[in-house]
């Protein structure tokens, strides 16, 4: 199963700030689509959680 989500903001800088907030809270993400302008005042970046390293996943416990 794949998981992805979007980070939405009013500007590219606000989206980048949202991504940084996720990282500061320990959520490792991989940006699959950098922030793009969707409409006036609406920017979107798509991200997926970073896969755990070998031996660190739930299946390894």
N, C-alpha and C. Protein backbone atom coordinates (compact mmCIF):
# COMPACT_ATOMS: atom_id res chain seq x y z
N UNK A 1 0.85 -1.16 0.00
CA UNK A 1 0.00 0.00 0.00
C UNK A 1 0.90 1.23 0.00
N UNK A 2 0.54 2.20 -0.79
CA UNK A 2 1.27 3.46 -0.83
C UNK A 2 0.51 4.55 -0.10
N UNK A 3 1.24 5.43 0.52
CA UNK A 3 0.65 6.55 1.24
C UNK A 3 1.28 7.82 0.71
N UNK A 4 0.45 8.80 0.41
CA UNK A 4 0.98 10.11 0.01
C UNK A 4 0.00 11.16 0.51
N UNK A 5 0.49 12.36 0.68
CA UNK A 5 -0.38 13.44 1.11
C UNK A 5 0.14 14.75 0.55
N UNK A 6 -0.67 15.76 0.63
CA UNK A 6 -0.32 17.07 0.12
C UNK A 6 -0.17 18.09 1.22
N UNK A 7 0.69 19.05 0.97
CA UNK A 7 0.85 20.20 1.86
C UNK A 7 0.40 21.41 1.06
N UNK A 8 -0.62 22.10 1.55
CA UNK A 8 -1.23 23.22 0.83
C UNK A 8 -0.96 24.52 1.58
N UNK A 9 -0.66 25.57 0.84
CA UNK A 9 -0.45 26.88 1.43
C UNK A 9 -0.82 27.98 0.45
N UNK A 10 -0.76 29.21 0.95
CA UNK A 10 -1.10 30.37 0.12
C UNK A 10 0.08 30.83 -0.74
N UNK A 11 1.27 30.30 -0.48
CA UNK A 11 2.45 30.66 -1.26
C UNK A 11 3.43 29.48 -1.23
N UNK A 12 4.41 29.51 -2.13
CA UNK A 12 5.42 28.46 -2.13
C UNK A 12 6.19 28.47 -0.82
N UNK A 13 6.45 29.65 -0.27
CA UNK A 13 7.17 29.76 0.99
C UNK A 13 6.37 29.14 2.14
N UNK A 14 5.07 29.32 2.13
CA UNK A 14 4.23 28.74 3.18
C UNK A 14 4.23 27.21 3.09
N UNK A 15 4.21 26.67 1.88
CA UNK A 15 4.28 25.22 1.70
C UNK A 15 5.62 24.70 2.20
N UNK A 16 6.70 25.37 1.85
CA UNK A 16 8.03 24.96 2.33
C UNK A 16 8.09 25.02 3.86
N UNK A 17 7.46 26.03 4.45
CA UNK A 17 7.39 26.12 5.90
C UNK A 17 6.64 24.94 6.50
N UNK A 18 5.58 24.49 5.84
CA UNK A 18 4.83 23.33 6.31
C UNK A 18 5.66 22.06 6.23
N UNK A 19 6.44 21.91 5.16
CA UNK A 19 7.32 20.76 5.05
C UNK A 19 8.39 20.78 6.14
N UNK A 20 8.93 21.94 6.41
CA UNK A 20 9.93 22.06 7.47
C UNK A 20 9.33 21.74 8.83
N UNK A 21 8.10 22.14 9.06
CA UNK A 21 7.42 21.83 10.33
C UNK A 21 7.28 20.31 10.50
N UNK A 22 6.91 19.62 9.44
CA UNK A 22 6.83 18.15 9.51
C UNK A 22 8.18 17.56 9.89
N UNK A 23 9.23 18.04 9.24
CA UNK A 23 10.57 17.51 9.52
C UNK A 23 11.01 17.80 10.96
N UNK A 24 10.69 18.99 11.45
CA UNK A 24 11.06 19.34 12.83
C UNK A 24 10.37 18.44 13.85
N UNK A 25 9.20 17.92 13.49
CA UNK A 25 8.46 17.03 14.39
C UNK A 25 8.82 15.57 14.17
N UNK A 26 9.89 15.33 13.41
CA UNK A 26 10.40 13.99 13.24
C UNK A 26 9.74 13.17 12.15
N UNK A 27 8.96 13.80 11.30
CA UNK A 27 8.31 13.09 10.20
C UNK A 27 9.20 13.22 8.96
N UNK A 28 9.83 12.13 8.60
CA UNK A 28 10.71 12.13 7.43
C UNK A 28 9.86 11.96 6.19
N UNK A 29 9.92 12.92 5.28
CA UNK A 29 9.12 12.87 4.06
C UNK A 29 10.02 13.02 2.84
N UNK A 30 9.54 12.45 1.74
CA UNK A 30 10.18 12.61 0.44
C UNK A 30 9.24 13.42 -0.43
N UNK A 31 9.71 14.53 -0.95
CA UNK A 31 8.87 15.37 -1.80
C UNK A 31 8.80 14.74 -3.19
N UNK A 32 7.59 14.33 -3.58
CA UNK A 32 7.41 13.73 -4.90
C UNK A 32 6.99 14.75 -5.94
N UNK A 33 6.47 15.88 -5.49
CA UNK A 33 6.14 17.00 -6.38
C UNK A 33 6.41 18.28 -5.62
N UNK A 34 7.39 19.07 -6.03
CA UNK A 34 7.67 20.34 -5.35
C UNK A 34 6.44 21.26 -5.41
N UNK A 35 6.45 22.28 -4.59
CA UNK A 35 5.33 23.22 -4.54
C UNK A 35 5.05 23.81 -5.92
N UNK A 36 3.81 23.65 -6.36
CA UNK A 36 3.35 24.20 -7.62
C UNK A 36 2.14 25.08 -7.38
N UNK A 37 2.04 26.15 -8.16
CA UNK A 37 0.88 27.04 -8.05
C UNK A 37 -0.31 26.37 -8.73
N UNK A 38 -1.36 26.12 -7.96
CA UNK A 38 -2.56 25.50 -8.49
C UNK A 38 -3.55 26.57 -8.99
N UNK A 39 -3.80 27.56 -8.17
CA UNK A 39 -4.64 28.71 -8.50
C UNK A 39 -4.10 29.89 -7.72
N UNK A 40 -4.72 31.05 -7.87
CA UNK A 40 -4.29 32.21 -7.09
C UNK A 40 -4.40 31.89 -5.61
N UNK A 41 -3.30 32.06 -4.89
CA UNK A 41 -3.30 31.85 -3.45
C UNK A 41 -3.40 30.41 -3.02
N UNK A 42 -3.10 29.47 -3.91
CA UNK A 42 -3.16 28.06 -3.54
C UNK A 42 -1.99 27.31 -4.19
N UNK A 43 -1.08 26.87 -3.33
CA UNK A 43 0.09 26.12 -3.75
C UNK A 43 0.03 24.74 -3.11
N UNK A 44 0.57 23.74 -3.82
CA UNK A 44 0.49 22.36 -3.34
C UNK A 44 1.80 21.63 -3.60
N UNK A 45 2.27 20.90 -2.60
CA UNK A 45 3.39 19.97 -2.75
C UNK A 45 2.88 18.59 -2.34
N UNK A 46 3.30 17.58 -3.06
CA UNK A 46 2.92 16.20 -2.71
C UNK A 46 4.14 15.51 -2.10
N UNK A 47 3.90 14.77 -1.03
CA UNK A 47 4.97 14.09 -0.31
C UNK A 47 4.54 12.68 0.07
N UNK A 48 5.53 11.84 0.33
CA UNK A 48 5.29 10.50 0.86
C UNK A 48 6.19 10.32 2.07
N UNK A 49 5.76 9.50 3.01
CA UNK A 49 6.65 9.23 4.15
C UNK A 49 7.90 8.52 3.66
N UNK A 50 9.02 8.81 4.29
CA UNK A 50 10.27 8.16 3.90
C UNK A 50 10.25 6.74 4.44
N UNK A 51 10.66 5.79 3.62
CA UNK A 51 10.69 4.39 4.03
C UNK A 51 11.72 4.20 5.14
N UNK A 52 11.43 3.33 6.10
CA UNK A 52 12.40 3.07 7.17
C UNK A 52 13.63 2.34 6.62
N UNK A 53 14.73 2.51 7.29
CA UNK A 53 15.97 1.81 6.90
C UNK A 53 15.80 0.32 7.16
N UNK A 54 16.61 -0.48 6.51
CA UNK A 54 16.56 -1.94 6.74
C UNK A 54 16.67 -2.24 8.23
N UNK A 55 15.78 -3.12 8.69
CA UNK A 55 15.81 -3.52 10.10
C UNK A 55 15.05 -2.59 11.02
N UNK A 56 14.45 -1.50 10.50
CA UNK A 56 13.75 -0.54 11.36
C UNK A 56 12.26 -0.50 11.12
N UNK A 57 11.74 -1.26 10.16
CA UNK A 57 10.32 -1.24 9.86
C UNK A 57 9.50 -2.05 10.84
N UNK A 58 8.19 -1.90 10.78
CA UNK A 58 7.30 -2.65 11.66
C UNK A 58 7.43 -4.15 11.44
N UNK A 59 7.64 -4.57 10.21
CA UNK A 59 7.78 -5.98 9.92
C UNK A 59 9.04 -6.61 10.48
N UNK A 60 9.97 -5.79 10.93
CA UNK A 60 11.23 -6.28 11.45
C UNK A 60 11.18 -6.52 12.94
N UNK A 61 10.10 -6.14 13.58
CA UNK A 61 10.04 -6.27 15.05
C UNK A 61 9.78 -7.67 15.49
